[in-house]
């Protein structure tokens, strides 16, 4: 399974209300985000299986995934993406 498909599937599980929209997205920027999400989620799985547990690193990856979920939801709902630079009125 490609990273894009894997990330899209993982996000569909994490964001069940948005499953239909996630399946329909054909946007390179979002596909890059799906790929990044797949890598981060995979890192979480690996970190959870380590002993001793690296809790701080695990938390960082969990927060990264939550940030990416928020970014996807904002995109799907047509809202400004969190932490994205806002256009300035000049």
N, C-alpha and C. Protein backbone atom coordinates (compact mmCIF):
# COMPACT_ATOMS: atom_id res chain seq x y z
N UNK A 1 0.85 -1.18 0.00
CA UNK A 1 0.00 0.00 0.00
C UNK A 1 0.89 1.24 0.00
N UNK A 2 0.56 2.18 -0.83
CA UNK A 2 1.37 3.41 -0.89
C UNK A 2 1.18 4.23 0.39
N UNK A 3 2.15 5.09 0.66
CA UNK A 3 2.04 5.95 1.83
C UNK A 3 0.83 6.87 1.75
N UNK A 4 0.52 7.34 0.54
CA UNK A 4 -0.64 8.23 0.37
C UNK A 4 -1.92 7.48 0.75
N UNK A 5 -2.06 6.28 0.22
CA UNK A 5 -3.26 5.48 0.53
C UNK A 5 -3.31 5.12 2.01
N UNK A 6 -2.16 4.79 2.58
CA UNK A 6 -2.08 4.44 3.99
C UNK A 6 -2.48 5.63 4.85
N UNK A 7 -1.93 6.81 4.55
CA UNK A 7 -2.27 8.01 5.32
C UNK A 7 -3.73 8.39 5.18
N UNK A 8 -4.25 8.28 3.96
CA UNK A 8 -5.67 8.58 3.72
C UNK A 8 -6.54 7.63 4.56
N UNK A 9 -6.19 6.35 4.57
CA UNK A 9 -6.97 5.36 5.34
C UNK A 9 -6.87 5.62 6.84
N UNK A 10 -5.68 5.95 7.31
CA UNK A 10 -5.52 6.24 8.74
C UNK A 10 -6.32 7.48 9.14
N UNK A 11 -6.30 8.50 8.28
CA UNK A 11 -7.09 9.70 8.58
C UNK A 11 -8.58 9.41 8.53
N UNK A 12 -9.00 8.55 7.63
CA UNK A 12 -10.42 8.17 7.56
C UNK A 12 -10.86 7.49 8.86
N UNK A 13 -9.97 6.70 9.45
CA UNK A 13 -10.28 6.08 10.74
C UNK A 13 -10.31 7.10 11.87
N UNK A 14 -9.38 8.05 11.82
CA UNK A 14 -9.29 9.07 12.87
C UNK A 14 -10.39 10.12 12.75
N UNK A 15 -10.88 10.35 11.53
CA UNK A 15 -11.87 11.40 11.27
C UNK A 15 -13.08 10.80 10.55
N UNK A 16 -13.85 9.96 11.24
CA UNK A 16 -14.94 9.24 10.56
C UNK A 16 -15.99 10.14 9.90
N UNK A 17 -16.23 11.31 10.43
CA UNK A 17 -17.22 12.21 9.81
C UNK A 17 -16.79 12.70 8.44
N UNK A 18 -15.52 12.59 8.14
CA UNK A 18 -14.97 13.13 6.89
C UNK A 18 -14.53 12.05 5.91
N UNK A 19 -14.92 10.81 6.15
CA UNK A 19 -14.44 9.70 5.32
C UNK A 19 -14.75 9.89 3.84
N UNK A 20 -15.97 10.27 3.53
CA UNK A 20 -16.35 10.42 2.11
C UNK A 20 -15.50 11.48 1.43
N UNK A 21 -15.33 12.61 2.08
CA UNK A 21 -14.52 13.69 1.49
C UNK A 21 -13.06 13.27 1.35
N UNK A 22 -12.55 12.55 2.35
CA UNK A 22 -11.16 12.11 2.29
C UNK A 22 -10.93 11.18 1.10
N UNK A 23 -11.89 10.32 0.83
CA UNK A 23 -11.76 9.39 -0.30
C UNK A 23 -11.76 10.13 -1.65
N UNK A 24 -12.44 11.27 -1.69
CA UNK A 24 -12.62 11.98 -2.95
C UNK A 24 -11.50 12.99 -3.27
N UNK A 25 -10.68 13.32 -2.30
CA UNK A 25 -9.66 14.36 -2.50
C UNK A 25 -8.64 13.94 -3.55
N UNK A 26 -8.47 14.81 -4.52
CA UNK A 26 -7.42 14.66 -5.54
C UNK A 26 -6.64 15.97 -5.57
N UNK A 27 -5.82 16.17 -4.56
CA UNK A 27 -5.09 17.42 -4.39
C UNK A 27 -3.67 17.07 -3.96
N UNK A 28 -2.67 17.53 -4.70
CA UNK A 28 -1.29 17.15 -4.41
C UNK A 28 -0.86 17.57 -3.01
N UNK A 29 -1.25 18.76 -2.59
CA UNK A 29 -0.88 19.23 -1.25
C UNK A 29 -1.44 18.29 -0.18
N UNK A 30 -2.69 17.88 -0.34
CA UNK A 30 -3.30 16.98 0.63
C UNK A 30 -2.67 15.59 0.54
N UNK A 31 -2.33 15.15 -0.65
CA UNK A 31 -1.68 13.84 -0.77
C UNK A 31 -0.31 13.84 -0.10
N UNK A 32 0.39 14.97 -0.15
CA UNK A 32 1.66 15.09 0.58
C UNK A 32 1.40 14.99 2.09
N UNK A 33 0.31 15.60 2.54
CA UNK A 33 -0.04 15.53 3.96
C UNK A 33 -0.43 14.10 4.35
N UNK A 34 -1.16 13.39 3.48
CA UNK A 34 -1.50 11.99 3.75
C UNK A 34 -0.24 11.17 3.95
N UNK A 35 0.74 11.41 3.09
CA UNK A 35 2.01 10.68 3.17
C UNK A 35 2.71 10.99 4.49
N UNK A 36 2.76 12.25 4.87
CA UNK A 36 3.39 12.65 6.13
C UNK A 36 2.65 12.04 7.32
N UNK A 37 1.32 11.99 7.24
CA UNK A 37 0.53 11.41 8.31
C UNK A 37 0.84 9.92 8.45
N UNK A 38 0.95 9.22 7.33
CA UNK A 38 1.27 7.79 7.37
C UNK A 38 2.62 7.57 8.05
N UNK A 39 3.60 8.38 7.72
CA UNK A 39 4.93 8.24 8.32
C UNK A 39 4.89 8.53 9.82
N UNK A 40 4.19 9.58 10.22
CA UNK A 40 4.10 9.94 11.64
C UNK A 40 3.33 8.88 12.43
N UNK A 41 2.24 8.38 11.87
CA UNK A 41 1.45 7.35 12.55
C UNK A 41 2.26 6.06 12.67
N UNK A 42 3.04 5.74 11.65
CA UNK A 42 3.91 4.58 11.71
C UNK A 42 4.98 4.74 12.78
N UNK A 43 5.50 5.94 12.91
CA UNK A 43 6.49 6.21 13.95
C UNK A 43 5.88 6.02 15.34
N UNK A 44 4.63 6.43 15.51
CA UNK A 44 3.94 6.24 16.80
C UNK A 44 3.85 4.75 17.12
N UNK A 45 3.47 3.95 16.14
CA UNK A 45 3.37 2.50 16.37
C UNK A 45 4.72 1.93 16.78
N UNK A 46 5.77 2.33 16.09
CA UNK A 46 7.12 1.84 16.42
C UNK A 46 7.55 2.28 17.82
N UNK A 47 7.30 3.54 18.13
CA UNK A 47 7.69 4.06 19.44
C UNK A 47 6.94 3.36 20.57
N UNK A 48 5.69 3.02 20.34
CA UNK A 48 4.90 2.34 21.38
C UNK A 48 5.45 0.94 21.68
N UNK A 49 6.16 0.35 20.72
CA UNK A 49 6.70 -0.99 20.91
C UNK A 49 8.12 -1.00 21.46
N UNK A 50 8.70 0.17 21.67
CA UNK A 50 10.06 0.25 22.19
C UNK A 50 10.07 0.11 23.71
N UNK A 51 11.19 -0.43 24.17
CA UNK A 51 11.42 -0.45 25.60
C UNK A 51 12.87 -0.08 25.82
N UNK A 52 13.18 0.91 26.59
CA UNK A 52 12.23 1.73 27.34
C UNK A 52 11.47 2.70 26.43
N UNK A 53 10.30 3.05 26.86
CA UNK A 53 9.42 3.94 26.11
C UNK A 53 9.99 5.36 26.11
N UNK A 54 10.10 5.94 24.92
CA UNK A 54 10.56 7.34 24.81
C UNK A 54 9.32 8.23 24.77
N UNK A 55 8.80 8.53 25.97
CA UNK A 55 7.52 9.21 26.11
C UNK A 55 7.49 10.59 25.46
N UNK A 56 8.56 11.35 25.60
CA UNK A 56 8.58 12.70 25.04
C UNK A 56 8.49 12.66 23.52
N UNK A 57 9.25 11.78 22.90
CA UNK A 57 9.22 11.65 21.44
C UNK A 57 7.85 11.13 20.97
N UNK A 58 7.30 10.19 21.71
CA UNK A 58 5.97 9.66 21.39
C UNK A 58 4.94 10.79 21.43
N UNK A 59 4.99 11.62 22.47
CA UNK A 59 4.06 12.75 22.59
C UNK A 59 4.22 13.72 21.42
N UNK A 60 5.45 13.95 21.01
CA UNK A 60 5.69 14.86 19.88
C UNK A 60 5.02 14.34 18.61
N UNK A 61 5.18 13.05 18.34
CA UNK A 61 4.54 12.47 17.15
C UNK A 61 3.02 12.46 17.28
N UNK A 62 2.51 12.21 18.47
CA UNK A 62 1.06 12.25 18.67
C UNK A 62 0.53 13.66 18.41
N UNK A 63 1.23 14.67 18.90
CA UNK A 63 0.82 16.06 18.67
C UNK A 63 0.92 16.42 17.20
N UNK A 64 1.95 15.92 16.54
CA UNK A 64 2.10 16.16 15.10
C UNK A 64 0.91 15.59 14.35
N UNK A 65 0.49 14.37 14.70
CA UNK A 65 -0.67 13.76 14.05
C UNK A 65 -1.94 14.56 14.32
N UNK A 66 -2.11 15.03 15.55
CA UNK A 66 -3.28 15.84 15.86
C UNK A 66 -3.28 17.15 15.06
N UNK A 67 -2.11 17.76 14.90
CA UNK A 67 -2.00 18.98 14.10
C UNK A 67 -2.37 18.70 12.64
N UNK A 68 -1.91 17.58 12.12
CA UNK A 68 -2.23 17.23 10.73
C UNK A 68 -3.72 16.94 10.58
N UNK A 69 -4.32 16.30 11.58
CA UNK A 69 -5.77 16.06 11.53
C UNK A 69 -6.52 17.39 11.49
N UNK A 70 -6.10 18.35 12.30
CA UNK A 70 -6.74 19.67 12.31
C UNK A 70 -6.58 20.36 10.96
N UNK A 71 -5.43 20.21 10.36
CA UNK A 71 -5.17 20.81 9.05
C UNK A 71 -6.10 20.20 7.99
N UNK A 72 -6.26 18.89 8.03
CA UNK A 72 -7.14 18.21 7.07
C UNK A 72 -8.59 18.65 7.26
N UNK A 73 -9.05 18.69 8.50
CA UNK A 73 -10.43 19.10 8.78
C UNK A 73 -10.67 20.52 8.30
N UNK A 74 -9.72 21.41 8.57
CA UNK A 74 -9.86 22.80 8.12
C UNK A 74 -9.96 22.85 6.60
N UNK A 75 -9.12 22.10 5.91
CA UNK A 75 -9.15 22.07 4.45
C UNK A 75 -10.51 21.56 3.96
N UNK A 76 -10.99 20.47 4.54
CA UNK A 76 -12.25 19.87 4.10
C UNK A 76 -13.44 20.77 4.36
N UNK A 77 -13.36 21.56 5.42
CA UNK A 77 -14.46 22.45 5.77
C UNK A 77 -14.30 23.84 5.17
N UNK A 78 -13.25 24.04 4.38
CA UNK A 78 -13.05 25.31 3.71
C UNK A 78 -12.63 26.44 4.63
N UNK A 79 -12.04 26.08 5.77
CA UNK A 79 -11.56 27.09 6.71
C UNK A 79 -10.07 27.30 6.51
N UNK A 80 -9.54 28.42 7.02
CA UNK A 80 -8.09 28.61 6.95
C UNK A 80 -7.38 27.49 7.69
N UNK A 81 -6.30 27.04 7.13
CA UNK A 81 -5.53 25.95 7.73
C UNK A 81 -4.82 26.49 8.96
N UNK A 82 -4.89 25.79 10.10
CA UNK A 82 -4.21 26.27 11.31
C UNK A 82 -2.72 26.46 11.06
N UNK A 83 -2.19 27.53 11.61
CA UNK A 83 -0.77 27.86 11.51
C UNK A 83 -0.30 28.18 10.10
N UNK A 84 -1.23 28.29 9.17
CA UNK A 84 -0.84 28.69 7.82
C UNK A 84 -0.75 30.21 7.78
N UNK A 85 0.19 30.73 7.01
CA UNK A 85 0.28 32.20 6.92
C UNK A 85 -1.00 32.76 6.30
N UNK A 86 -1.53 33.77 6.92
CA UNK A 86 -2.74 34.41 6.43
C UNK A 86 -2.37 35.52 5.46
N UNK A 87 -3.17 35.69 4.39
CA UNK A 87 -2.86 36.77 3.44
C UNK A 87 -2.99 38.13 4.13
N UNK A 88 -2.06 39.03 3.78
CA UNK A 88 -2.10 40.36 4.36
C UNK A 88 -2.80 41.31 3.42
N UNK A 89 -3.55 42.23 4.02
CA UNK A 89 -4.19 43.28 3.22
C UNK A 89 -3.16 44.36 3.00
N UNK A 90 -2.86 44.61 1.74
CA UNK A 90 -1.86 45.65 1.44
C UNK A 90 -2.49 46.73 0.63
